[in-house]
């Protein structure tokens, strides 16, 4: 079988099956920090729009949240039609905060009042950024003190339905190769100097 297929002058190998799934951690930036990093050129974009590097500005970092299992991390990107406007995408990330003590509950409170940008690492070695244009807001908190999970606070982060949708699907992060990209994403919770 011939694995090559050409679409609009681009050749694809259809025999290579992509690897699905995400690694079990999330990196969150406050949207205001992410926007400042974009404006400073610390999240450079390639010709195709993918992010080629993420450099934390002085004193800023992402906040890492490990996930209990693959089911606890579920991003989605539905299309949002906009009557008499420009359609786009709603970015949505279901994730968990491990722990149910006051410090973790305080994280919920902080996220309730601030937009965030989510960075995850896919099992195919690419990073993925949700909320690059508008940021995501905390829209639900399914935490129950009586939950059998006990130490997990499930939350949903979603594009603001009253704001313009994201212009694009989530952006890829790719820096040189899989190892370099994985190291980059894993180190985003280090404060920039």
C-alpha atoms as a PDB file:
ATOM      1  CA  UNK A   1       0.000   0.000   0.000  1.00  0.00           C
ATOM      2  CA  UNK A   2       1.252   3.461  -0.876  1.00  0.00           C
ATOM      3  CA  UNK A   3       1.293   5.527   2.334  1.00  0.00           C
ATOM      4  CA  UNK A   4       1.731   8.917   0.678  1.00  0.00           C
ATOM      5  CA  UNK A   5      -1.258  11.140   0.040  1.00  0.00           C
ATOM      6  CA  UNK A   6      -1.071  14.691  -1.311  1.00  0.00           C
ATOM      7  CA  UNK A   7      -3.479  17.426  -0.230  1.00  0.00           C
ATOM      8  CA  UNK A   8      -3.007  20.968  -1.521  1.00  0.00           C
ATOM      9  CA  UNK A   9       0.681  20.489  -2.402  1.00  0.00           C
ATOM     10  CA  UNK A  10       1.462  18.910   0.981  1.00  0.00           C
ATOM     11  CA  UNK A  11       2.378  15.235   1.236  1.00  0.00           C
ATOM     12  CA  UNK A  12       1.208  13.207   4.242  1.00  0.00           C
ATOM     13  CA  UNK A  13       2.157   9.692   5.301  1.00  0.00           C
ATOM     14  CA  UNK A  14      -1.159   8.063   6.192  1.00  0.00           C
ATOM     15  CA  UNK A  15       0.505   4.864   7.452  1.00  0.00           C
ATOM     16  CA  UNK A  16       1.991   6.719  10.440  1.00  0.00           C
ATOM     17  CA  UNK A  17      -0.658   6.538  13.143  1.00  0.00           C
ATOM     18  CA  UNK A  18      -0.449   9.436  15.603  1.00  0.00           C
ATOM     19  CA  UNK A  19      -0.038   8.681  19.297  1.00  0.00           C
ATOM     20  CA  UNK A  20      -2.971   9.962  21.340  1.00  0.00           C
ATOM     21  CA  UNK A  21      -3.229  11.009  24.958  1.00  0.00           C
ATOM     22  CA  UNK A  22      -1.585  13.416  27.359  1.00  0.00           C
ATOM     23  CA  UNK A  23       1.030  13.187  30.072  1.00  0.00           C
ATOM     24  CA  UNK A  24      -0.425  13.388  33.588  1.00  0.00           C
ATOM     25  CA  UNK A  25       0.385  16.998  34.471  1.00  0.00           C
ATOM     26  CA  UNK A  26      -0.825  20.499  33.631  1.00  0.00           C
ATOM     27  CA  UNK A  27       1.080  23.784  33.683  1.00  0.00           C
ATOM     28  CA  UNK A  28      -1.066  26.897  34.280  1.00  0.00           C
ATOM     29  CA  UNK A  29      -0.068  30.512  33.671  1.00  0.00           C
ATOM     30  CA  UNK A  30      -2.075  33.479  34.759  1.00  0.00           C
ATOM     31  CA  UNK A  31      -3.303  34.965  31.492  1.00  0.00           C
ATOM     32  CA  UNK A  32      -1.872  38.405  32.321  1.00  0.00           C
ATOM     33  CA  UNK A  33       1.603  36.815  32.732  1.00  0.00           C
ATOM     34  CA  UNK A  34       1.197  34.841  29.490  1.00  0.00           C
ATOM     35  CA  UNK A  35       0.080  37.962  27.593  1.00  0.00           C
ATOM     36  CA  UNK A  36       3.102  39.909  28.886  1.00  0.00           C
ATOM     37  CA  UNK A  37       5.365  37.041  27.790  1.00  0.00           C
ATOM     38  CA  UNK A  38       3.770  37.062  24.304  1.00  0.00           C
ATOM     39  CA  UNK A  39       4.181  40.820  23.989  1.00  0.00           C
ATOM     40  CA  UNK A  40       7.827  40.558  25.076  1.00  0.00           C
ATOM     41  CA  UNK A  41       8.511  37.923  22.394  1.00  0.00           C
ATOM     42  CA  UNK A  42       9.016  35.103  24.937  1.00  0.00           C
ATOM     43  CA  UNK A  43       6.609  32.761  23.130  1.00  0.00           C
ATOM     44  CA  UNK A  44       7.936  32.974  19.533  1.00  0.00           C
ATOM     45  CA  UNK A  45       5.803  31.503  16.753  1.00  0.00           C
ATOM     46  CA  UNK A  46       6.905  29.600  13.670  1.00  0.00           C
ATOM     47  CA  UNK A  47       5.528  30.264  10.203  1.00  0.00           C
ATOM     48  CA  UNK A  48       2.758  27.696  10.777  1.00  0.00           C
ATOM     49  CA  UNK A  49       1.789  29.295  14.116  1.00  0.00           C
ATOM     50  CA  UNK A  50       3.281  26.710  16.456  1.00  0.00           C
ATOM     51  CA  UNK A  51       5.125  28.017  19.500  1.00  0.00           C
ATOM     52  CA  UNK A  52       8.861  27.305  19.235  1.00  0.00           C
ATOM     53  CA  UNK A  53       9.889  28.295  22.778  1.00  0.00           C
ATOM     54  CA  UNK A  54       8.425  29.501  26.068  1.00  0.00           C
ATOM     55  CA  UNK A  55      10.683  31.679  28.195  1.00  0.00           C
ATOM     56  CA  UNK A  56       9.376  32.792  31.588  1.00  0.00           C
ATOM     57  CA  UNK A  57       9.824  36.467  32.323  1.00  0.00           C
ATOM     58  CA  UNK A  58      11.591  37.597  35.488  1.00  0.00           C
ATOM     59  CA  UNK A  59       9.724  36.464  38.587  1.00  0.00           C
ATOM     60  CA  UNK A  60       6.992  34.620  36.632  1.00  0.00           C
ATOM     61  CA  UNK A  61       6.303  30.915  36.214  1.00  0.00           C
ATOM     62  CA  UNK A  62       3.637  28.362  35.422  1.00  0.00           C
ATOM     63  CA  UNK A  63       1.960  26.440  38.230  1.00  0.00           C
ATOM     64  CA  UNK A  64       2.191  22.671  37.862  1.00  0.00           C
ATOM     65  CA  UNK A  65      -0.692  20.380  38.763  1.00  0.00           C
ATOM     66  CA  UNK A  66      -0.091  16.633  38.624  1.00  0.00           C
ATOM     67  CA  UNK A  67      -3.141  14.612  37.610  1.00  0.00           C
ATOM     68  CA  UNK A  68      -4.247  11.380  39.307  1.00  0.00           C
ATOM     69  CA  UNK A  69      -4.786   9.545  35.999  1.00  0.00           C
ATOM     70  CA  UNK A  70      -5.391  10.131  32.300  1.00  0.00           C
ATOM     71  CA  UNK A  71      -9.153  10.424  32.805  1.00  0.00           C
ATOM     72  CA  UNK A  72      -8.644  13.422  35.111  1.00  0.00           C
ATOM     73  CA  UNK A  73      -7.257  15.518  32.231  1.00  0.00           C
ATOM     74  CA  UNK A  74      -9.662  16.046  29.356  1.00  0.00           C
ATOM     75  CA  UNK A  75      -9.252  19.027  27.013  1.00  0.00           C
ATOM     76  CA  UNK A  76     -11.767  19.736  24.246  1.00  0.00           C
ATOM     77  CA  UNK A  77     -12.046  22.334  21.486  1.00  0.00           C
ATOM     78  CA  UNK A  78     -15.550  22.698  20.042  1.00  0.00           C
ATOM     79  CA  UNK A  79     -16.222  25.182  17.254  1.00  0.00           C
ATOM     80  CA  UNK A  80     -18.253  28.234  18.314  1.00  0.00           C
ATOM     81  CA  UNK A  81     -20.392  29.758  15.560  1.00  0.00           C
ATOM     82  CA  UNK A  82     -20.840  33.522  15.937  1.00  0.00           C
ATOM     83  CA  UNK A  83     -23.895  34.951  14.141  1.00  0.00           C
ATOM     84  CA  UNK A  84     -22.871  38.095  12.244  1.00  0.00           C
ATOM     85  CA  UNK A  85     -19.339  37.611  13.568  1.00  0.00           C
ATOM     86  CA  UNK A  86     -16.179  35.596  13.142  1.00  0.00           C
ATOM     87  CA  UNK A  87     -16.515  31.975  14.309  1.00  0.00           C
ATOM     88  CA  UNK A  88     -13.792  30.454  16.425  1.00  0.00           C
ATOM     89  CA  UNK A  89     -13.132  27.812  19.052  1.00  0.00           C
ATOM     90  CA  UNK A  90     -14.009  27.332  22.693  1.00  0.00           C
ATOM     91  CA  UNK A  91     -11.107  25.827  24.596  1.00  0.00           C
ATOM     92  CA  UNK A  92     -12.115  23.642  27.525  1.00  0.00           C
ATOM     93  CA  UNK A  93      -9.919  21.738  29.980  1.00  0.00           C
ATOM     94  CA  UNK A  94     -11.224  19.383  32.655  1.00  0.00           C
ATOM     95  CA  UNK A  95      -8.442  18.842  35.190  1.00  0.00           C
ATOM     96  CA  UNK A  96      -7.910  18.105  38.864  1.00  0.00           C
ATOM     97  CA  UNK A  97      -6.194  19.754  41.791  1.00  0.00           C
ATOM     98  CA  UNK A  98      -4.661  17.096  44.013  1.00  0.00           C
ATOM     99  CA  UNK A  99      -5.456  17.646  47.684  1.00  0.00           C
ATOM    100  CA  UNK A 100      -8.378  19.179  49.534  1.00  0.00           C
ATOM    101  CA  UNK A 101      -6.738  21.258  52.233  1.00  0.00           C
ATOM    102  CA  UNK A 102      -7.068  25.025  52.569  1.00  0.00           C
ATOM    103  CA  UNK A 103      -4.042  25.740  50.331  1.00  0.00           C
ATOM    104  CA  UNK A 104      -5.670  23.868  47.441  1.00  0.00           C
ATOM    105  CA  UNK A 105      -9.001  25.569  48.096  1.00  0.00           C
ATOM    106  CA  UNK A 106      -7.190  28.925  48.001  1.00  0.00           C
ATOM    107  CA  UNK A 107      -5.954  28.007  44.512  1.00  0.00           C
ATOM    108  CA  UNK A 108      -9.599  27.627  43.495  1.00  0.00           C
ATOM    109  CA  UNK A 109     -10.355  31.076  44.875  1.00  0.00           C
ATOM    110  CA  UNK A 110      -7.443  32.643  42.969  1.00  0.00           C
ATOM    111  CA  UNK A 111      -8.501  30.925  39.736  1.00  0.00           C
ATOM    112  CA  UNK A 112     -12.071  32.143  40.173  1.00  0.00           C
ATOM    113  CA  UNK A 113     -10.910  35.736  39.754  1.00  0.00           C
ATOM    114  CA  UNK A 114      -8.196  35.315  37.110  1.00  0.00           C
ATOM    115  CA  UNK A 115      -8.020  33.933  33.593  1.00  0.00           C
ATOM    116  CA  UNK A 116      -5.430  31.226  32.931  1.00  0.00           C
ATOM    117  CA  UNK A 117      -3.589  29.628  30.016  1.00  0.00           C
ATOM    118  CA  UNK A 118      -3.123  25.853  30.097  1.00  0.00           C
ATOM    119  CA  UNK A 119      -0.023  24.061  28.767  1.00  0.00           C
ATOM    120  CA  UNK A 120      -0.002  20.262  28.539  1.00  0.00           C
ATOM    121  CA  UNK A 121       2.419  17.709  27.111  1.00  0.00           C
ATOM    122  CA  UNK A 122       0.991  15.179  24.680  1.00  0.00           C
ATOM    123  CA  UNK A 123       2.305  11.616  24.523  1.00  0.00           C
ATOM    124  CA  UNK A 124       3.394  12.305  20.939  1.00  0.00           C
ATOM    125  CA  UNK A 125       6.049  14.654  22.367  1.00  0.00           C
ATOM    126  CA  UNK A 126       4.351  17.939  21.482  1.00  0.00           C
ATOM    127  CA  UNK A 127       3.229  20.567  23.910  1.00  0.00           C
ATOM    128  CA  UNK A 128      -0.262  22.033  23.535  1.00  0.00           C
ATOM    129  CA  UNK A 129      -1.476  25.485  24.675  1.00  0.00           C
ATOM    130  CA  UNK A 130      -5.136  26.214  25.464  1.00  0.00           C
ATOM    131  CA  UNK A 131      -6.398  29.791  25.906  1.00  0.00           C
ATOM    132  CA  UNK A 132      -3.622  31.634  24.053  1.00  0.00           C
ATOM    133  CA  UNK A 133      -5.911  34.403  22.736  1.00  0.00           C
ATOM    134  CA  UNK A 134      -8.434  34.973  25.516  1.00  0.00           C
ATOM    135  CA  UNK A 135      -7.474  32.817  28.491  1.00  0.00           C
ATOM    136  CA  UNK A 136      -9.733  30.328  30.261  1.00  0.00           C
ATOM    137  CA  UNK A 137     -11.892  30.846  33.324  1.00  0.00           C
ATOM    138  CA  UNK A 138     -12.907  28.504  36.100  1.00  0.00           C
ATOM    139  CA  UNK A 139     -16.498  27.493  35.288  1.00  0.00           C
ATOM    140  CA  UNK A 140     -17.165  24.545  37.557  1.00  0.00           C
ATOM    141  CA  UNK A 141     -15.864  22.936  40.698  1.00  0.00           C
ATOM    142  CA  UNK A 142     -17.158  19.432  41.340  1.00  0.00           C
ATOM    143  CA  UNK A 143     -15.408  19.039  44.704  1.00  0.00           C
ATOM    144  CA  UNK A 144     -17.336  17.146  47.339  1.00  0.00           C
ATOM    145  CA  UNK A 145     -15.948  16.516  50.815  1.00  0.00           C
ATOM    146  CA  UNK A 146     -17.854  13.219  50.706  1.00  0.00           C
ATOM    147  CA  UNK A 147     -16.244  12.093  47.433  1.00  0.00           C
ATOM    148  CA  UNK A 148     -14.623   8.663  47.486  1.00  0.00           C
ATOM    149  CA  UNK A 149     -11.688  10.277  45.692  1.00  0.00           C
ATOM    150  CA  UNK A 150     -11.278  12.491  48.760  1.00  0.00           C
ATOM    151  CA  UNK A 151      -8.073  14.243  47.801  1.00  0.00           C
ATOM    152  CA  UNK A 152      -8.992  15.449  44.306  1.00  0.00           C
ATOM    153  CA  UNK A 153     -10.776  18.672  43.346  1.00  0.00           C
ATOM    154  CA  UNK A 154     -12.026  18.317  39.746  1.00  0.00           C
ATOM    155  CA  UNK A 155     -12.422  21.636  37.914  1.00  0.00           C
ATOM    156  CA  UNK A 156     -13.323  22.827  34.428  1.00  0.00           C
ATOM    157  CA  UNK A 157     -11.579  25.737  32.714  1.00  0.00           C
ATOM    158  CA  UNK A 158     -13.442  27.177  29.736  1.00  0.00           C
ATOM    159  CA  UNK A 159     -13.325  30.036  27.243  1.00  0.00           C
ATOM    160  CA  UNK A 160     -15.491  32.980  28.312  1.00  0.00           C
ATOM    161  CA  UNK A 161     -18.792  32.642  26.425  1.00  0.00           C
ATOM    162  CA  UNK A 162     -19.331  36.420  26.588  1.00  0.00           C
ATOM    163  CA  UNK A 163     -15.958  37.198  24.952  1.00  0.00           C
ATOM    164  CA  UNK A 164     -14.841  36.510  21.397  1.00  0.00           C
ATOM    165  CA  UNK A 165     -13.877  32.862  20.870  1.00  0.00           C
ATOM    166  CA  UNK A 166     -10.303  31.736  20.457  1.00  0.00           C
ATOM    167  CA  UNK A 167      -9.266  32.340  16.845  1.00  0.00           C
ATOM    168  CA  UNK A 168      -7.501  28.990  16.473  1.00  0.00           C
ATOM    169  CA  UNK A 169      -7.536  25.469  17.829  1.00  0.00           C
ATOM    170  CA  UNK A 170      -4.972  24.908  20.612  1.00  0.00           C
ATOM    171  CA  UNK A 171      -1.426  25.761  19.552  1.00  0.00           C
ATOM    172  CA  UNK A 172       1.350  23.196  19.383  1.00  0.00           C
ATOM    173  CA  UNK A 173       4.650  23.741  21.170  1.00  0.00           C
ATOM    174  CA  UNK A 174       7.625  22.197  19.380  1.00  0.00           C
ATOM    175  CA  UNK A 175      11.247  22.968  20.147  1.00  0.00           C
ATOM    176  CA  UNK A 176      13.865  20.998  18.140  1.00  0.00           C
ATOM    177  CA  UNK A 177      12.753  17.445  19.085  1.00  0.00           C
ATOM    178  CA  UNK A 178      10.613  15.430  21.541  1.00  0.00           C
ATOM    179  CA  UNK A 179      13.192  15.436  24.351  1.00  0.00           C
ATOM    180  CA  UNK A 180      13.846  19.183  24.122  1.00  0.00           C
ATOM    181  CA  UNK A 181      10.117  19.924  23.991  1.00  0.00           C
ATOM    182  CA  UNK A 182       9.357  17.641  26.963  1.00  0.00           C
ATOM    183  CA  UNK A 183      12.156  19.272  28.987  1.00  0.00           C
ATOM    184  CA  UNK A 184      10.839  22.732  28.077  1.00  0.00           C
ATOM    185  CA  UNK A 185       7.251  21.928  29.123  1.00  0.00           C
ATOM    186  CA  UNK A 186       8.296  20.129  32.333  1.00  0.00           C
ATOM    187  CA  UNK A 187      10.415  23.142  33.396  1.00  0.00           C
ATOM    188  CA  UNK A 188       7.795  25.873  32.951  1.00  0.00           C
ATOM    189  CA  UNK A 189       7.153  25.969  36.694  1.00  0.00           C
ATOM    190  CA  UNK A 190      10.641  27.388  37.257  1.00  0.00           C
ATOM    191  CA  UNK A 191      10.635  31.115  38.003  1.00  0.00           C
ATOM    192  CA  UNK A 192      12.162  33.219  35.238  1.00  0.00           C
ATOM    193  CA  UNK A 193      15.352  35.126  36.088  1.00  0.00           C
END
